[in-house]
Amino acid sequence: MENKVRTIAVLGSGIDNCYPEENKELYEKLKKEELVISEYPNMSEPDKTHFPMRNRLVVALSDALIVPQINSHVSGTTISVNLAVGNNKPVYVVPHSIFEETVNNDLIQEGANVAESGRQILEDLHWD
C-alpha cells in the first residue's frame, strides 16, 4: 500500500471480524482505501480450518507468491507454496543465513526463485 500497489485482504473470518485485533488500524484502512473480502458469513469467528481455504483465494488473486520466512515444512505458507506451484504462479523466497532454522533455503534448492530485491520481482512480473 505504501508503494501504491493495489491491495486485497482475504480474511479467514467474517468480513466484519478483524483478526487479529491488533491489526484493527490496518483493517480499517484496507476497508476504506483498498479491498477486503471473505467467503465466510458476516462476523464469523476465525477458525484454523479457514486459513488453508483462504490461502487458495490469496494465491488465485496473486501474480506471484513471496515467502519472507517459513519455519516449517507443515504450515499455511507451505500450503500456499504448493497451491502457487500447482497454478503455475512464480514463487519467490528470501534466502536466509545457514545459521537460521528456516525452510527458505530448502525451497530455493527445490526450484523457487531467489527474491534478491523488490525491484527484481517487479521487473520479473513486468510491473516496472
N, C-alpha and C. Protein backbone atom coordinates (compact mmCIF):
# COMPACT_ATOMS: atom_id res chain seq x y z
N MET A 1 0.83 -1.19 0.00
CA MET A 1 0.00 0.00 0.00
C MET A 1 0.87 1.25 0.00
N GLU A 2 1.98 1.20 0.75
CA GLU A 2 2.88 2.34 0.81
C GLU A 2 3.48 2.65 -0.55
N ASN A 3 3.61 1.62 -1.41
CA ASN A 3 4.18 1.79 -2.75
C ASN A 3 3.12 1.93 -3.82
N LYS A 4 1.89 2.23 -3.40
CA LYS A 4 0.77 2.46 -4.32
C LYS A 4 0.41 1.22 -5.14
N VAL A 5 0.62 0.04 -4.55
CA VAL A 5 0.20 -1.21 -5.18
C VAL A 5 -1.16 -1.55 -4.62
N ARG A 6 -2.11 -1.83 -5.50
CA ARG A 6 -3.46 -2.18 -5.07
C ARG A 6 -3.38 -3.41 -4.16
N THR A 7 -4.16 -3.40 -3.09
CA THR A 7 -4.07 -4.44 -2.07
C THR A 7 -5.45 -5.04 -1.81
N ILE A 8 -5.48 -6.37 -1.73
CA ILE A 8 -6.70 -7.08 -1.39
C ILE A 8 -6.39 -7.91 -0.14
N ALA A 9 -7.19 -7.73 0.90
CA ALA A 9 -7.08 -8.55 2.11
C ALA A 9 -8.13 -9.64 2.03
N VAL A 10 -7.70 -10.88 2.14
CA VAL A 10 -8.61 -12.02 2.13
C VAL A 10 -8.65 -12.57 3.55
N LEU A 11 -9.81 -12.50 4.17
CA LEU A 11 -9.93 -12.87 5.58
C LEU A 11 -10.25 -14.34 5.78
N GLY A 12 -9.80 -14.86 6.90
CA GLY A 12 -10.15 -16.22 7.33
C GLY A 12 -11.25 -16.17 8.37
N SER A 13 -11.99 -15.07 8.36
CA SER A 13 -13.12 -14.86 9.27
C SER A 13 -14.17 -14.08 8.50
N GLY A 14 -15.26 -13.73 9.16
CA GLY A 14 -16.28 -12.91 8.52
C GLY A 14 -15.73 -11.52 8.20
N ILE A 15 -16.35 -10.87 7.25
CA ILE A 15 -15.85 -9.58 6.74
C ILE A 15 -15.82 -8.50 7.82
N ASP A 16 -16.69 -8.57 8.79
CA ASP A 16 -16.72 -7.56 9.86
C ASP A 16 -16.06 -8.04 11.14
N ASN A 17 -15.15 -8.99 11.01
CA ASN A 17 -14.46 -9.51 12.18
C ASN A 17 -12.95 -9.35 11.95
N CYS A 18 -12.38 -8.32 12.52
CA CYS A 18 -10.95 -8.06 12.38
C CYS A 18 -10.17 -9.06 13.21
N TYR A 19 -9.27 -9.79 12.54
CA TYR A 19 -8.43 -10.76 13.25
C TYR A 19 -7.04 -10.72 12.65
N PRO A 20 -6.01 -10.64 13.45
CA PRO A 20 -6.04 -10.41 14.89
C PRO A 20 -6.41 -8.96 15.22
N GLU A 21 -6.92 -8.75 16.39
CA GLU A 21 -7.43 -7.44 16.81
C GLU A 21 -6.38 -6.33 16.73
N GLU A 22 -5.10 -6.68 16.94
CA GLU A 22 -4.05 -5.65 16.88
C GLU A 22 -3.86 -5.08 15.47
N ASN A 23 -4.50 -5.68 14.47
CA ASN A 23 -4.44 -5.16 13.10
C ASN A 23 -5.62 -4.25 12.77
N LYS A 24 -6.35 -3.80 13.78
CA LYS A 24 -7.57 -3.01 13.58
C LYS A 24 -7.33 -1.78 12.72
N GLU A 25 -6.25 -1.05 12.99
CA GLU A 25 -5.97 0.17 12.21
C GLU A 25 -5.73 -0.17 10.74
N LEU A 26 -4.95 -1.19 10.47
CA LEU A 26 -4.71 -1.63 9.09
C LEU A 26 -6.00 -2.12 8.45
N TYR A 27 -6.78 -2.89 9.18
CA TYR A 27 -8.06 -3.40 8.70
C TYR A 27 -8.97 -2.26 8.27
N GLU A 28 -9.09 -1.23 9.10
CA GLU A 28 -9.94 -0.08 8.78
C GLU A 28 -9.43 0.65 7.54
N LYS A 29 -8.12 0.79 7.42
CA LYS A 29 -7.53 1.45 6.24
C LYS A 29 -7.81 0.63 4.99
N LEU A 30 -7.67 -0.69 5.08
CA LEU A 30 -7.96 -1.56 3.94
C LEU A 30 -9.41 -1.44 3.52
N LYS A 31 -10.33 -1.43 4.49
CA LYS A 31 -11.76 -1.31 4.17
C LYS A 31 -12.06 0.02 3.48
N LYS A 32 -11.38 1.06 3.90
CA LYS A 32 -11.65 2.40 3.37
C LYS A 32 -10.97 2.65 2.02
N GLU A 33 -9.73 2.19 1.87
CA GLU A 33 -8.92 2.56 0.70
C GLU A 33 -8.65 1.43 -0.29
N GLU A 34 -8.81 0.19 0.15
CA GLU A 34 -8.46 -0.94 -0.71
C GLU A 34 -9.65 -1.88 -0.81
N LEU A 35 -9.42 -3.18 -0.65
CA LEU A 35 -10.49 -4.15 -0.77
C LEU A 35 -10.31 -5.24 0.29
N VAL A 36 -11.38 -5.56 0.99
CA VAL A 36 -11.39 -6.63 1.99
C VAL A 36 -12.48 -7.61 1.57
N ILE A 37 -12.11 -8.89 1.42
CA ILE A 37 -13.09 -9.90 1.03
C ILE A 37 -13.01 -11.10 1.97
N SER A 38 -14.12 -11.85 2.00
CA SER A 38 -14.18 -13.09 2.77
C SER A 38 -15.26 -13.97 2.16
N GLU A 39 -15.05 -15.26 2.25
CA GLU A 39 -16.10 -16.18 1.80
C GLU A 39 -16.92 -16.68 2.98
N TYR A 40 -16.64 -16.17 4.18
CA TYR A 40 -17.34 -16.59 5.38
C TYR A 40 -18.42 -15.58 5.75
N PRO A 41 -19.51 -16.05 6.38
CA PRO A 41 -20.59 -15.14 6.76
C PRO A 41 -20.12 -14.03 7.69
N ASN A 42 -20.81 -12.92 7.62
CA ASN A 42 -20.50 -11.76 8.45
C ASN A 42 -20.30 -12.16 9.92
N MET A 43 -19.29 -11.60 10.54
CA MET A 43 -18.95 -11.80 11.95
C MET A 43 -18.53 -13.23 12.30
N SER A 44 -18.30 -14.09 11.30
CA SER A 44 -17.80 -15.43 11.60
C SER A 44 -16.46 -15.31 12.31
N GLU A 45 -16.30 -16.12 13.34
CA GLU A 45 -15.03 -16.13 14.08
C GLU A 45 -13.95 -16.81 13.24
N PRO A 46 -12.71 -16.38 13.39
CA PRO A 46 -11.64 -17.09 12.69
C PRO A 46 -11.53 -18.52 13.23
N ASP A 47 -11.17 -19.43 12.36
CA ASP A 47 -11.04 -20.83 12.74
C ASP A 47 -9.83 -21.38 11.99
N LYS A 48 -9.08 -22.26 12.63
CA LYS A 48 -7.85 -22.76 12.00
C LYS A 48 -8.13 -23.47 10.67
N THR A 49 -9.33 -23.97 10.47
CA THR A 49 -9.64 -24.61 9.19
C THR A 49 -9.91 -23.59 8.09
N HIS A 50 -10.20 -22.35 8.45
CA HIS A 50 -10.49 -21.32 7.46
C HIS A 50 -9.24 -20.86 6.71
N PHE A 51 -8.11 -20.87 7.38
CA PHE A 51 -6.92 -20.25 6.80
C PHE A 51 -6.34 -21.00 5.60
N PRO A 52 -6.27 -22.34 5.63
CA PRO A 52 -5.83 -23.03 4.41
C PRO A 52 -6.78 -22.77 3.23
N MET A 53 -8.08 -22.71 3.53
CA MET A 53 -9.06 -22.41 2.48
C MET A 53 -8.88 -20.99 1.96
N ARG A 54 -8.60 -20.07 2.87
CA ARG A 54 -8.37 -18.68 2.49
C ARG A 54 -7.14 -18.57 1.59
N ASN A 55 -6.11 -19.38 1.88
CA ASN A 55 -4.87 -19.30 1.11
C ASN A 55 -5.08 -19.61 -0.36
N ARG A 56 -6.03 -20.46 -0.69
CA ARG A 56 -6.28 -20.76 -2.11
C ARG A 56 -6.77 -19.52 -2.83
N LEU A 57 -7.55 -18.67 -2.14
CA LEU A 57 -8.02 -17.42 -2.75
C LEU A 57 -6.88 -16.42 -2.89
N VAL A 58 -6.03 -16.35 -1.87
CA VAL A 58 -4.88 -15.43 -1.92
C VAL A 58 -4.01 -15.79 -3.12
N VAL A 59 -3.71 -17.06 -3.30
CA VAL A 59 -2.87 -17.48 -4.42
C VAL A 59 -3.58 -17.21 -5.75
N ALA A 60 -4.85 -17.51 -5.83
CA ALA A 60 -5.59 -17.29 -7.08
C ALA A 60 -5.60 -15.81 -7.49
N LEU A 61 -5.63 -14.92 -6.52
CA LEU A 61 -5.67 -13.48 -6.80
C LEU A 61 -4.28 -12.87 -7.05
N SER A 62 -3.25 -13.65 -6.82
CA SER A 62 -1.88 -13.12 -6.87
C SER A 62 -1.19 -13.44 -8.19
N ASP A 63 -0.27 -12.56 -8.56
CA ASP A 63 0.58 -12.82 -9.73
C ASP A 63 1.76 -13.70 -9.35
N ALA A 64 2.15 -13.65 -8.09
CA ALA A 64 3.29 -14.43 -7.59
C ALA A 64 3.15 -14.56 -6.08
N LEU A 65 3.89 -15.50 -5.52
CA LEU A 65 3.93 -15.68 -4.07
C LEU A 65 5.33 -15.32 -3.60
N ILE A 66 5.40 -14.47 -2.57
CA ILE A 66 6.68 -14.09 -1.99
C ILE A 66 6.72 -14.63 -0.57
N VAL A 67 7.76 -15.40 -0.27
CA VAL A 67 7.91 -16.03 1.04
C VAL A 67 9.07 -15.37 1.78
N PRO A 68 8.76 -14.50 2.76
CA PRO A 68 9.84 -13.87 3.52
C PRO A 68 10.52 -14.86 4.48
N GLN A 69 9.72 -15.70 5.15
CA GLN A 69 10.29 -16.67 6.08
C GLN A 69 9.28 -17.79 6.31
N ILE A 70 9.78 -19.01 6.28
CA ILE A 70 8.95 -20.17 6.57
C ILE A 70 9.75 -21.07 7.50
N ASN A 71 9.15 -21.42 8.62
CA ASN A 71 9.87 -22.15 9.66
C ASN A 71 9.56 -23.64 9.71
N SER A 72 8.61 -24.09 8.91
CA SER A 72 8.22 -25.49 8.99
C SER A 72 7.75 -25.96 7.62
N HIS A 73 8.02 -27.25 7.35
CA HIS A 73 7.52 -27.84 6.10
C HIS A 73 6.01 -28.08 6.17
N VAL A 74 5.43 -27.95 7.35
CA VAL A 74 4.00 -28.14 7.54
C VAL A 74 3.44 -26.84 8.09
N SER A 75 2.92 -25.99 7.19
CA SER A 75 2.41 -24.69 7.60
C SER A 75 1.47 -24.15 6.54
N GLY A 76 0.82 -23.05 6.87
CA GLY A 76 -0.03 -22.38 5.90
C GLY A 76 0.77 -21.88 4.72
N THR A 77 2.00 -21.45 4.97
CA THR A 77 2.86 -20.98 3.88
C THR A 77 3.18 -22.13 2.93
N THR A 78 3.42 -23.31 3.48
CA THR A 78 3.69 -24.48 2.63
C THR A 78 2.48 -24.78 1.76
N ILE A 79 1.29 -24.67 2.33
CA ILE A 79 0.06 -24.86 1.55
C ILE A 79 0.02 -23.85 0.41
N SER A 80 0.33 -22.60 0.71
CA SER A 80 0.32 -21.56 -0.32
C SER A 80 1.37 -21.82 -1.40
N VAL A 81 2.56 -22.25 -1.00
CA VAL A 81 3.61 -22.58 -1.97
C VAL A 81 3.13 -23.68 -2.90
N ASN A 82 2.56 -24.73 -2.34
CA ASN A 82 2.06 -25.85 -3.17
C ASN A 82 0.95 -25.40 -4.11
N LEU A 83 0.06 -24.54 -3.62
CA LEU A 83 -1.01 -24.01 -4.46
C LEU A 83 -0.43 -23.16 -5.60
N ALA A 84 0.55 -22.32 -5.28
CA ALA A 84 1.17 -21.47 -6.30
C ALA A 84 1.84 -22.33 -7.37
N VAL A 85 2.62 -23.32 -6.96
CA VAL A 85 3.29 -24.20 -7.91
C VAL A 85 2.26 -24.93 -8.77
N GLY A 86 1.19 -25.42 -8.14
CA GLY A 86 0.14 -26.12 -8.86
C GLY A 86 -0.62 -25.25 -9.85
N ASN A 87 -0.59 -23.94 -9.61
CA ASN A 87 -1.27 -22.98 -10.50
C ASN A 87 -0.29 -22.21 -11.37
N ASN A 88 0.93 -22.71 -11.49
CA ASN A 88 1.97 -22.09 -12.33
C ASN A 88 2.24 -20.64 -11.99
N LYS A 89 2.17 -20.32 -10.70
CA LYS A 89 2.49 -18.97 -10.23
C LYS A 89 3.94 -18.98 -9.75
N PRO A 90 4.71 -17.95 -10.08
CA PRO A 90 6.08 -17.92 -9.58
C PRO A 90 6.13 -17.79 -8.07
N VAL A 91 7.09 -18.48 -7.47
CA VAL A 91 7.32 -18.41 -6.03
C VAL A 91 8.70 -17.80 -5.80
N TYR A 92 8.74 -16.71 -5.06
CA TYR A 92 9.99 -16.03 -4.70
C TYR A 92 10.23 -16.25 -3.21
N VAL A 93 11.46 -16.61 -2.87
CA VAL A 93 11.81 -16.89 -1.48
C VAL A 93 13.02 -16.05 -1.09
N VAL A 94 12.90 -15.41 0.06
CA VAL A 94 14.01 -14.63 0.60
C VAL A 94 15.02 -15.61 1.20
N PRO A 95 16.27 -15.62 0.71
CA PRO A 95 17.26 -16.53 1.28
C PRO A 95 17.62 -16.13 2.71
N HIS A 96 17.98 -17.12 3.51
CA HIS A 96 18.35 -16.87 4.90
C HIS A 96 19.73 -17.44 5.19
N SER A 97 20.29 -16.97 6.25
CA SER A 97 21.58 -17.47 6.72
C SER A 97 21.49 -18.96 6.99
N ILE A 98 22.59 -19.67 6.76
CA ILE A 98 22.61 -21.10 7.06
C ILE A 98 22.51 -21.37 8.55
N PHE A 99 22.69 -20.33 9.35
CA PHE A 99 22.62 -20.48 10.81
C PHE A 99 21.22 -20.26 11.34
N GLU A 100 20.27 -19.92 10.48
CA GLU A 100 18.88 -19.75 10.89
C GLU A 100 18.09 -21.00 10.53
N GLU A 101 17.20 -21.39 11.41
CA GLU A 101 16.38 -22.57 11.15
C GLU A 101 15.12 -22.17 10.39
N THR A 102 15.24 -22.11 9.08
CA THR A 102 14.11 -21.82 8.22
C THR A 102 14.09 -22.84 7.08
N VAL A 103 12.99 -22.87 6.37
CA VAL A 103 12.84 -23.76 5.22
C VAL A 103 13.16 -22.99 3.93
N ASN A 104 13.40 -21.70 4.05
CA ASN A 104 13.61 -20.85 2.88
C ASN A 104 14.63 -21.42 1.90
N ASN A 105 15.82 -21.74 2.40
CA ASN A 105 16.88 -22.21 1.50
C ASN A 105 16.53 -23.56 0.88
N ASP A 106 15.77 -24.39 1.60
CA ASP A 106 15.30 -25.67 1.03
C ASP A 106 14.41 -25.40 -0.18
N LEU A 107 13.52 -24.43 -0.05
CA LEU A 107 12.62 -24.10 -1.17
C LEU A 107 13.40 -23.60 -2.38
N ILE A 108 14.43 -22.81 -2.12
CA ILE A 108 15.26 -22.32 -3.23
C ILE A 108 15.97 -23.49 -3.91
N GLN A 109 16.50 -24.42 -3.13
CA GLN A 109 17.15 -25.60 -3.71
C GLN A 109 16.17 -26.44 -4.51
N GLU A 110 14.89 -26.40 -4.13
CA GLU A 110 13.86 -27.17 -4.83
C GLU A 110 13.35 -26.45 -6.08
N GLY A 111 13.85 -25.23 -6.34
CA GLY A 111 13.49 -24.54 -7.58
C GLY A 111 12.78 -23.22 -7.44
N ALA A 112 12.51 -22.77 -6.23
CA ALA A 112 11.87 -21.46 -6.06
C ALA A 112 12.83 -20.37 -6.50
N ASN A 113 12.29 -19.25 -6.93
CA ASN A 113 13.11 -18.10 -7.33
C ASN A 113 13.68 -17.43 -6.09
N VAL A 114 14.91 -16.97 -6.20
CA VAL A 114 15.53 -16.21 -5.12
C VAL A 114 15.00 -14.79 -5.18
N ALA A 115 14.46 -14.31 -4.08
CA ALA A 115 13.98 -12.93 -4.00
C ALA A 115 15.17 -12.05 -3.63
N GLU A 116 15.83 -11.50 -4.65
CA GLU A 116 17.02 -10.69 -4.42
C GLU A 116 16.65 -9.26 -4.01
N SER A 117 15.57 -8.75 -4.61
CA SER A 117 15.12 -7.40 -4.29
C SER A 117 13.69 -7.24 -4.78
N GLY A 118 13.01 -6.26 -4.22
CA GLY A 118 11.66 -5.94 -4.69
C GLY A 118 11.68 -5.52 -6.14
N ARG A 119 12.68 -4.75 -6.53
CA ARG A 119 12.81 -4.28 -7.91
C ARG A 119 12.90 -5.46 -8.87
N GLN A 120 13.70 -6.47 -8.50
CA GLN A 120 13.87 -7.65 -9.35
C GLN A 120 12.53 -8.36 -9.56
N ILE A 121 11.75 -8.49 -8.49
CA ILE A 121 10.45 -9.16 -8.60
C ILE A 121 9.52 -8.34 -9.49
N LEU A 122 9.50 -7.04 -9.29
CA LEU A 122 8.65 -6.17 -10.13
C LEU A 122 9.04 -6.28 -11.60
N GLU A 123 10.33 -6.32 -11.88
CA GLU A 123 10.79 -6.47 -13.26
C GLU A 123 10.39 -7.82 -13.83
N ASP A 124 10.58 -8.90 -13.04
CA ASP A 124 10.20 -10.23 -13.49
C ASP A 124 8.71 -10.30 -13.84
N LEU A 125 7.89 -9.62 -13.04
CA LEU A 125 6.44 -9.65 -13.25
C LEU A 125 5.98 -8.59 -14.27
N HIS A 126 6.94 -7.82 -14.77
CA HIS A 126 6.65 -6.73 -15.73
C HIS A 126 5.74 -5.68 -15.12
N TRP A 127 5.99 -5.38 -13.85
CA TRP A 127 5.25 -4.33 -13.14
C TRP A 127 6.01 -3.03 -13.10
N ASP A 128 7.23 -3.00 -13.64
CA ASP A 128 8.07 -1.80 -13.55
C ASP A 128 7.67 -0.74 -14.55
